[in-house]
Amino acid sequence: METGRHYDDSGTGLHIYVRKSGSKSWSQKIRFNGKQLELGLGSYPMVSLAEARRLAAENKSLAVKGINPKIERQKIKTVPSFREVMELALPSILDELKNSKHRAQWRTTLEIYALPSIGNMPVNEITVNEVFALLKPIWKDKTETASRLRGRIERVLDYAIVKGMMKPPNPAVWQGNLSSLLPKKTKIKLKKNHPALQLEDAQRWWTELQQRDGMGALALMLLTMTASRSGEIRGMRWEELQLFHDKEAKRRGYLGIWTRPADRMKAKREHRVPITLQMHGLLSSFCDRRGLVFRSRNGTTLSDMTLSALMKRMHKADARGFVDMRSELPAVPHGLRSTFRDWVAETGQSREAAELQLAHRFGTEVEHAYYRTDLLDERARLLTNWSNFLEGKNEKI
């Protein structure tokens, strides 16, 4: 074929352009609003004559309707896959998460359960059927994981919708969508409580703990005294502590305040804890009062396993052991919060003060407004009585 333009007889302005190098490409000349446009339709033989004629006919039809085919063709882009959208959406999503473990879990969950089935699918082709198919195999056996996975898929597809990559509705939403195909979590999953130390074993266990050495033992002591979660204790820093030196401190019943930042609390709200005389005594044993209170040997945050392993060793070392009354499994650090609540109920302590100490929400909105005062004085008395109980004292204040 000679060099130059060779026109098709379809009347659409379609022609093939042959260059001196021998390469060939399809092009189209078309008039729109009195101006001549030239549109590239792809190279030959990658684009066949039949395909070139089809594209040219579509462009001619758009021009007749008053639509600029050149601008319209620029709008047509390849729809990205779920995997590609996930990589675009993750940076902003992960910025919201402070916990490195949760950040890693976000990506890992999607990589393990979602990408094998929908990773290479264009997001606009993903329907509720595909999401249901990947959730169904794990919904009953790994309910919590499956529920989080659904929410994460929903977040990624929300990003695609906002960016115009697909049209709503989101196929991963729960209400009125997947809720019609999958049973509610509450219907298939029995709540598993953490094995708790029995109240009748608490004083024996406390005596054993006080004989243990090491940073893990000190951290577990403070966890028990304050009925805290493991992460709240392990992340504790000296700058969070405000110690009082006035004469009124002992009269109030607490010698300082520990302010726990929102990013280390489950409810994501700042939480204050009164530092009782017993807690002050434990903290006074530290010489270096900078940075983390409870550090590992290399100066980093203690691992959760440090406290769990200590309780396992204590269980194995005791002839009777320390097991949960119902499950008969060895007690774990988080179960100590249940032990504390049992003691509150058994001894008629203030429920309100206990719930505030546990950083739980309870009651009506009016009560929430009232209890923003923290009830520090009452909670200090509560924690002092709790420590006295652990030590086998009958003293109450």
Protein backbone atom coordinates (compact mmCIF):
# COMPACT_ATOMS: atom_id res chain seq x y z
CA MET A 1 0.00 0.00 0.00
CA GLU A 2 1.39 3.40 -1.00
CA THR A 3 2.34 6.07 1.52
CA GLY A 4 -0.48 8.50 2.32
CA ARG A 5 -4.16 8.48 3.29
CA HIS A 6 -6.53 5.93 1.81
CA TYR A 7 -10.22 6.66 2.47
CA ASP A 8 -12.94 4.10 3.14
CA ASP A 9 -16.12 4.35 1.09
CA SER A 10 -18.40 4.28 4.16
CA GLY A 11 -18.87 8.06 4.03
CA THR A 12 -17.75 8.58 7.64
CA GLY A 13 -14.39 10.16 6.88
CA LEU A 14 -12.61 6.95 7.89
CA HIS A 15 -9.21 6.37 6.28
CA ILE A 16 -6.00 4.48 6.84
CA TYR A 17 -2.80 6.48 7.06
CA VAL A 18 0.32 4.77 5.69
CA ARG A 19 3.62 6.28 6.81
CA LYS A 20 6.98 6.09 5.06
CA SER A 21 8.13 3.60 7.70
CA GLY A 22 5.37 1.25 6.58
CA SER A 23 3.29 1.55 9.78
CA LYS A 24 -0.46 1.98 9.33
CA SER A 25 -3.09 3.58 11.57
CA TRP A 26 -6.78 4.38 11.33
CA SER A 27 -7.97 7.96 11.42
CA GLN A 28 -11.21 9.82 10.84
CA LYS A 29 -11.94 13.33 9.60
CA ILE A 30 -15.31 14.65 10.70
CA ARG A 31 -16.99 18.06 10.79
CA PHE A 32 -18.47 19.34 14.05
CA ASN A 33 -19.96 22.81 14.51
CA GLY A 34 -18.36 23.96 11.27
CA LYS A 35 -14.87 22.77 12.24
CA GLN A 36 -12.99 19.74 11.00
CA LEU A 37 -11.85 17.27 13.65
CA GLU A 38 -9.38 14.44 13.18
CA LEU A 39 -9.74 11.44 15.44
CA GLY A 40 -7.21 8.63 15.85
CA LEU A 41 -8.87 5.21 15.99
CA GLY A 42 -5.87 2.93 16.58
CA SER A 43 -3.16 1.16 14.61
CA TYR A 44 -3.60 -1.51 11.98
CA PRO A 45 -3.78 -4.55 12.27
CA MET A 46 -4.45 -4.20 16.03
CA VAL A 47 -7.74 -2.53 15.04
CA SER A 48 -9.46 -4.32 12.18
CA LEU A 49 -11.36 -2.66 9.32
CA ALA A 50 -14.69 -3.77 10.86
CA GLU A 51 -13.79 -2.30 14.26
CA ALA A 52 -12.56 0.94 12.69
CA ARG A 53 -15.82 1.28 10.74
CA ARG A 54 -17.83 0.70 13.95
CA LEU A 55 -15.91 3.38 15.86
CA ALA A 56 -16.21 5.82 12.97
CA ALA A 57 -19.98 5.26 12.75
CA GLU A 58 -20.33 5.92 16.52
CA ASN A 59 -18.36 9.17 16.21
CA LYS A 60 -20.50 10.28 13.25
CA SER A 61 -23.66 9.53 15.24
CA LEU A 62 -22.41 11.59 18.21
CA ALA A 63 -21.63 14.55 15.95
CA VAL A 64 -25.13 14.43 14.45
CA LYS A 65 -26.56 14.58 17.99
CA GLY A 66 -24.51 17.67 18.75
CA ILE A 67 -21.93 15.88 20.90
CA ASN A 68 -18.25 16.49 20.25
CA PRO A 69 -16.91 12.95 19.63
CA LYS A 70 -13.32 13.96 20.44
CA ILE A 71 -14.26 15.17 23.92
CA GLU A 72 -16.59 12.24 24.50
CA ARG A 73 -13.92 9.70 23.57
CA GLN A 74 -11.54 11.29 26.09
CA LYS A 75 -14.06 10.54 28.83
CA ILE A 76 -13.91 6.81 28.15
CA LYS A 77 -11.27 5.35 30.45
CA THR A 78 -10.50 1.86 31.64
CA VAL A 79 -12.31 1.12 34.92
CA PRO A 80 -9.73 0.17 37.57
CA SER A 81 -9.80 -3.20 39.32
CA PHE A 82 -10.69 -3.67 42.99
CA ARG A 83 -6.99 -4.25 43.70
CA GLU A 84 -6.05 -0.93 42.08
CA VAL A 85 -8.78 0.99 43.93
CA MET A 86 -7.71 -0.63 47.21
CA GLU A 87 -4.17 0.71 46.75
CA LEU A 88 -5.58 4.19 46.04
CA ALA A 89 -7.96 4.16 49.01
CA LEU A 90 -5.69 2.60 51.65
CA PRO A 91 -3.39 5.58 52.42
CA SER A 92 -6.22 7.82 53.67
CA ILE A 93 -7.93 4.92 55.47
CA LEU A 94 -4.75 3.85 57.26
CA ASP A 95 -4.05 7.44 58.32
CA GLU A 96 -7.14 7.16 60.56
CA LEU A 97 -5.66 4.17 62.43
CA LYS A 98 -3.08 4.74 65.16
CA ASN A 99 -2.59 1.09 66.11
CA SER A 100 0.06 -0.54 63.87
CA LYS A 101 -1.56 -3.96 64.38
CA HIS A 102 -4.90 -2.68 63.07
CA ARG A 103 -3.17 -1.00 60.12
CA ALA A 104 -1.55 -4.30 59.12
CA GLN A 105 -4.81 -6.21 59.60
CA TRP A 106 -6.67 -3.88 57.24
CA ARG A 107 -4.49 -4.81 54.27
CA THR A 108 -3.96 -8.46 55.25
CA THR A 109 -7.69 -9.20 55.57
CA LEU A 110 -8.36 -7.86 52.07
CA GLU A 111 -5.36 -9.64 50.58
CA ILE A 112 -6.32 -13.02 52.05
CA TYR A 113 -10.09 -13.01 51.57
CA ALA A 114 -11.05 -10.41 48.93
CA LEU A 115 -8.29 -10.15 46.33
CA PRO A 116 -8.32 -13.84 45.25
CA SER A 117 -11.95 -13.54 44.13
CA ILE A 118 -12.58 -9.88 43.19
CA GLY A 119 -9.07 -8.39 43.09
CA ASN A 120 -8.84 -8.31 39.29
CA MET A 121 -12.48 -7.42 38.65
CA PRO A 122 -13.31 -3.89 37.45
CA VAL A 123 -15.07 -2.26 40.40
CA ASN A 124 -18.13 -1.40 38.32
CA GLU A 125 -18.68 -5.12 37.66
CA ILE A 126 -18.70 -6.15 41.34
CA THR A 127 -22.23 -6.93 42.50
CA VAL A 128 -23.73 -8.10 45.76
CA ASN A 129 -23.43 -11.66 44.43
CA GLU A 130 -19.61 -11.51 44.31
CA VAL A 131 -19.40 -9.98 47.79
CA PHE A 132 -21.83 -12.57 49.18
CA ALA A 133 -19.86 -15.42 47.56
CA LEU A 134 -16.60 -14.44 49.26
CA LEU A 135 -18.20 -13.78 52.66
CA LYS A 136 -20.41 -16.87 52.89
CA PRO A 137 -17.64 -19.50 53.45
CA ILE A 138 -16.29 -17.66 56.53
CA TRP A 139 -19.43 -15.96 57.88
CA LYS A 140 -20.27 -18.66 60.44
CA ASP A 141 -16.81 -19.89 61.45
CA LYS A 142 -14.97 -16.55 61.37
CA THR A 143 -17.85 -14.17 61.94
CA GLU A 144 -15.89 -11.25 63.36
CA THR A 145 -13.27 -11.45 60.61
CA ALA A 146 -15.98 -11.72 57.95
CA SER A 147 -17.85 -8.74 59.37
CA ARG A 148 -14.72 -6.59 59.37
CA LEU A 149 -13.91 -7.76 55.84
CA ARG A 150 -17.34 -6.68 54.62
CA GLY A 151 -16.87 -3.23 56.16
CA ARG A 152 -13.43 -2.89 54.56
CA ILE A 153 -14.72 -3.86 51.13
CA GLU A 154 -17.49 -1.31 51.60
CA ARG A 155 -14.94 1.43 52.39
CA VAL A 156 -12.88 0.64 49.27
CA LEU A 157 -15.97 0.65 47.04
CA ASP A 158 -17.16 3.90 48.67
CA TYR A 159 -13.91 5.42 47.43
CA ALA A 160 -14.61 4.12 43.91
CA ILE A 161 -18.12 5.60 43.96
CA VAL A 162 -16.96 9.03 45.15
CA LYS A 163 -14.23 9.05 42.48
CA GLY A 164 -16.76 8.23 39.76
CA MET A 165 -15.28 4.81 38.99
CA MET A 166 -18.60 3.08 39.63
CA LYS A 167 -22.19 4.08 40.30
CA PRO A 168 -24.04 3.60 43.61
CA PRO A 169 -25.40 1.69 45.41
CA ASN A 170 -22.42 0.06 47.10
CA PRO A 171 -22.80 -3.76 46.78
CA ALA A 172 -21.06 -4.36 50.13
CA VAL A 173 -23.45 -2.38 52.36
CA TRP A 174 -25.17 -4.39 55.09
CA GLN A 175 -28.60 -2.87 55.74
CA GLY A 176 -31.18 -3.80 53.13
CA ASN A 177 -28.57 -5.59 51.06
CA LEU A 178 -26.29 -8.29 52.50
CA SER A 179 -28.52 -8.35 55.59
CA SER A 180 -31.06 -10.17 53.41
CA LEU A 181 -28.55 -12.88 52.48
CA LEU A 182 -26.47 -13.44 55.63
CA PRO A 183 -27.62 -14.06 59.23
CA LYS A 184 -26.97 -11.40 61.85
CA LYS A 185 -23.81 -11.84 63.88
CA THR A 186 -25.82 -11.99 67.08
CA LYS A 187 -27.76 -14.98 65.76
CA ILE A 188 -24.75 -17.16 64.96
CA LYS A 189 -22.00 -16.13 67.32
CA LEU A 190 -22.00 -16.83 71.02
CA LYS A 191 -20.05 -14.25 72.97
CA LYS A 192 -16.86 -15.74 74.38
CA ASN A 193 -15.83 -14.09 77.62
CA HIS A 194 -12.20 -13.90 78.61
CA PRO A 195 -11.39 -16.45 81.33
CA ALA A 196 -11.58 -14.58 84.64
CA LEU A 197 -9.91 -15.11 87.98
CA GLN A 198 -12.44 -16.37 90.53
CA LEU A 199 -13.09 -13.95 93.37
CA GLU A 200 -12.30 -16.61 95.97
CA ASP A 201 -8.85 -17.07 94.38
CA ALA A 202 -8.07 -13.38 94.03
CA GLN A 203 -6.15 -12.90 97.28
CA ARG A 204 -4.13 -16.09 96.80
CA TRP A 205 -3.32 -15.00 93.24
CA TRP A 206 -2.35 -11.48 94.39
CA THR A 207 0.03 -12.86 97.00
CA GLU A 208 1.67 -15.01 94.32
CA LEU A 209 1.96 -12.03 91.93
CA GLN A 210 3.66 -9.88 94.57
CA GLN A 211 6.40 -12.49 94.85
CA ARG A 212 7.20 -12.20 91.15
CA ASP A 213 9.97 -9.96 89.84
CA GLY A 214 10.27 -8.08 86.61
CA MET A 215 8.59 -5.33 84.64
CA GLY A 216 5.78 -7.65 83.55
CA ALA A 217 4.82 -8.33 87.17
CA LEU A 218 4.73 -4.62 88.00
CA ALA A 219 2.59 -3.90 84.94
CA LEU A 220 0.20 -6.72 85.85
CA MET A 221 -0.08 -5.36 89.40
CA LEU A 222 -1.09 -1.91 88.16
CA LEU A 223 -3.45 -3.45 85.61
CA THR A 224 -5.16 -5.30 88.46
CA MET A 225 -5.27 -2.28 90.79
CA THR A 226 -6.92 -0.12 88.10
CA ALA A 227 -9.00 -2.79 86.30
CA SER A 228 -7.42 -1.58 83.06
CA ARG A 229 -6.98 -3.13 79.65
CA SER A 230 -3.55 -4.45 78.76
CA GLY A 231 -2.81 -1.81 76.10
CA GLU A 232 -3.76 1.01 78.45
CA ILE A 233 -1.13 -0.15 80.94
CA ARG A 234 1.60 -1.18 78.52
CA GLY A 235 1.46 2.18 76.74
CA MET A 236 1.51 4.20 79.97
CA ARG A 237 3.95 7.12 79.92
CA TRP A 238 5.33 9.23 82.75
CA GLU A 239 4.12 12.47 81.16
CA GLU A 240 0.55 11.19 81.55
CA LEU A 241 0.93 11.27 85.35
CA GLN A 242 0.17 14.31 87.48
CA LEU A 243 1.30 13.75 91.07
CA PHE A 244 0.03 15.99 93.87
CA HIS A 245 2.18 17.27 96.73
CA ASP A 246 -0.35 19.30 98.70
CA LYS A 247 -1.55 18.34 102.17
CA GLU A 248 -5.10 17.79 100.92
CA ALA A 249 -4.11 14.95 98.58
CA LYS A 250 -4.30 12.17 101.17
CA ARG A 251 -7.54 13.54 102.52
CA ARG A 252 -9.07 13.34 99.07
CA GLY A 253 -7.97 9.74 98.83
CA TYR A 254 -5.75 10.02 95.79
CA LEU A 255 -2.26 11.37 95.25
CA GLY A 256 -2.48 12.22 91.59
CA ILE A 257 -4.26 11.67 88.29
CA TRP A 258 -3.30 9.45 85.38
CA THR A 259 -4.76 10.89 82.14
CA ARG A 260 -4.98 8.23 79.46
CA PRO A 261 -5.10 9.66 75.90
CA ALA A 262 -8.01 8.88 73.60
CA ASP A 263 -5.88 7.02 71.06
CA ARG A 264 -5.09 4.30 73.63
CA MET A 265 -8.67 3.88 74.82
CA LYS A 266 -11.14 1.48 73.23
CA ALA A 267 -13.89 4.13 73.22
CA LYS A 268 -11.46 6.73 71.76
CA ARG A 269 -12.16 9.14 74.62
CA GLU A 270 -9.65 10.54 77.10
CA HIS A 271 -9.97 8.81 80.48
CA ARG A 272 -8.71 9.88 83.91
CA VAL A 273 -7.74 7.50 86.71
CA PRO A 274 -7.12 8.57 90.34
CA ILE A 275 -3.73 7.48 91.65
CA THR A 276 -4.36 5.89 95.03
CA LEU A 277 -1.83 5.43 97.82
CA GLN A 278 -1.19 1.80 96.75
CA MET A 279 -0.66 2.79 93.12
CA HIS A 280 1.61 5.65 94.19
CA GLY A 281 3.70 3.21 96.18
CA LEU A 282 4.20 0.98 93.14
CA LEU A 283 5.13 3.89 90.87
CA SER A 284 7.53 5.29 93.48
CA SER A 285 9.74 2.21 93.04
CA PHE A 286 10.87 3.46 89.60
CA CYS A 287 14.05 5.49 89.32
CA ASP A 288 13.91 6.48 85.66
CA ARG A 289 10.76 8.52 85.13
CA ARG A 290 10.96 9.35 81.44
CA GLY A 291 9.02 7.94 78.50
CA LEU A 292 7.35 4.58 78.93
CA VAL A 293 6.66 3.46 82.49
CA PHE A 294 6.80 -0.27 81.72
CA ARG A 295 9.56 -1.02 79.20
CA SER A 296 10.91 -4.20 77.72
CA ARG A 297 14.61 -4.99 78.02
CA ASN A 298 15.35 -3.15 74.79
CA GLY A 299 13.39 -0.09 75.91
CA THR A 300 10.27 -0.66 73.82
CA THR A 301 6.64 -1.25 74.83
CA LEU A 302 6.00 -4.55 76.61
CA SER A 303 4.19 -7.07 74.42
CA ASP A 304 0.72 -8.30 75.33
CA MET A 305 2.21 -11.79 75.60
CA THR A 306 4.45 -10.67 78.48
CA LEU A 307 1.45 -10.32 80.80
CA SER A 308 -0.39 -13.35 79.40
CA ALA A 309 2.68 -15.58 79.74
CA LEU A 310 3.19 -14.44 83.34
CA MET A 311 -0.37 -15.45 84.27
CA LYS A 312 0.14 -18.84 82.58
CA ARG A 313 3.29 -19.43 84.61
CA MET A 314 1.50 -18.47 87.81
CA HIS A 315 -1.31 -20.91 86.97
CA LYS A 316 1.10 -23.79 86.32
CA ALA A 317 3.19 -23.04 89.42
CA ASP A 318 0.22 -23.22 91.80
CA ALA A 319 -1.09 -26.63 92.85
CA ARG A 320 -4.73 -25.54 92.53
CA GLY A 321 -4.17 -23.18 89.62
CA PHE A 322 -6.20 -20.10 88.73
CA VAL A 323 -9.07 -20.95 86.39
CA ASP A 324 -12.33 -19.41 85.23
CA MET A 325 -15.33 -20.82 87.09
CA ARG A 326 -17.42 -21.47 83.95
CA SER A 327 -14.96 -22.39 81.22
CA GLU A 328 -12.35 -23.88 83.59
CA LEU A 329 -9.69 -22.26 81.41
CA PRO A 330 -6.69 -20.49 82.97
CA ALA A 331 -7.45 -16.86 83.82
CA VAL A 332 -6.05 -14.17 81.50
CA PRO A 333 -5.20 -10.48 82.10
CA HIS A 334 -8.37 -9.12 80.46
CA GLY A 335 -10.48 -11.42 82.66
CA LEU A 336 -9.29 -9.48 85.72
CA ARG A 337 -11.75 -6.74 84.74
CA SER A 338 -14.56 -9.26 85.22
CA THR A 339 -13.10 -10.24 88.59
CA PHE A 340 -13.21 -6.57 89.57
CA ARG A 341 -16.87 -6.31 88.51
CA ASP A 342 -17.73 -9.45 90.47
CA TRP A 343 -16.16 -7.90 93.56
CA VAL A 344 -18.12 -4.67 93.01
CA ALA A 345 -21.39 -6.62 92.81
CA GLU A 346 -20.62 -8.94 95.73
CA THR A 347 -19.60 -6.15 98.10
CA GLY A 348 -22.20 -3.55 97.13
CA GLN A 349 -19.75 -1.01 95.75
CA SER A 350 -20.85 1.89 93.56
CA ARG A 351 -21.87 0.56 90.15
CA GLU A 352 -21.56 4.01 88.59
CA ALA A 353 -18.02 4.49 89.88
CA ALA A 354 -17.07 0.99 88.72
CA GLU A 355 -18.43 1.52 85.19
CA LEU A 356 -16.60 4.83 84.96
CA GLN A 357 -13.40 3.17 86.13
CA LEU A 358 -13.81 0.50 83.45
CA ALA A 359 -14.31 3.31 80.88
CA HIS A 360 -17.75 1.97 79.97
CA ARG A 361 -20.73 4.02 78.83
CA PHE A 362 -23.95 3.35 80.69
CA GLY A 363 -27.33 4.83 81.45
CA THR A 364 -29.12 7.67 79.63
CA GLU A 365 -27.68 10.71 77.86
CA VAL A 366 -28.61 12.79 80.91
CA GLU A 367 -26.51 10.47 83.08
CA HIS A 368 -23.62 10.76 80.61
CA ALA A 369 -23.71 14.53 80.94
CA TYR A 370 -23.68 14.26 84.74
CA TYR A 371 -20.86 11.74 84.89
CA ARG A 372 -18.48 13.88 82.88
CA THR A 373 -17.32 14.94 86.36
CA ASP A 374 -15.47 11.57 86.52
CA LEU A 375 -16.44 10.92 90.18
CA LEU A 376 -12.73 10.85 90.94
CA ASP A 377 -13.19 10.98 94.73
CA GLU A 378 -15.62 8.05 94.69
CA ARG A 379 -13.50 6.07 92.29
CA ALA A 380 -10.44 6.64 94.47
CA ARG A 381 -12.33 5.12 97.42
CA LEU A 382 -13.44 2.26 95.19
CA LEU A 383 -9.91 1.44 94.02
CA THR A 384 -8.51 1.75 97.55
CA ASN A 385 -11.12 -0.72 98.83
CA TRP A 386 -10.32 -3.05 95.90
CA SER A 387 -6.60 -3.00 96.73
CA ASN A 388 -7.38 -3.60 100.42
CA PHE A 389 -9.47 -6.61 99.42
CA LEU A 390 -6.66 -8.05 97.29
CA GLU A 391 -4.28 -7.66 100.22
CA GLY A 392 -6.71 -9.45 102.54
CA LYS A 393 -7.58 -6.35 104.56
CA ASN A 394 -11.11 -5.65 105.73
CA GLU A 395 -10.55 -1.91 105.73
CA LYS A 396 -13.07 0.20 103.85
CA ILE A 397 -13.05 3.95 103.37
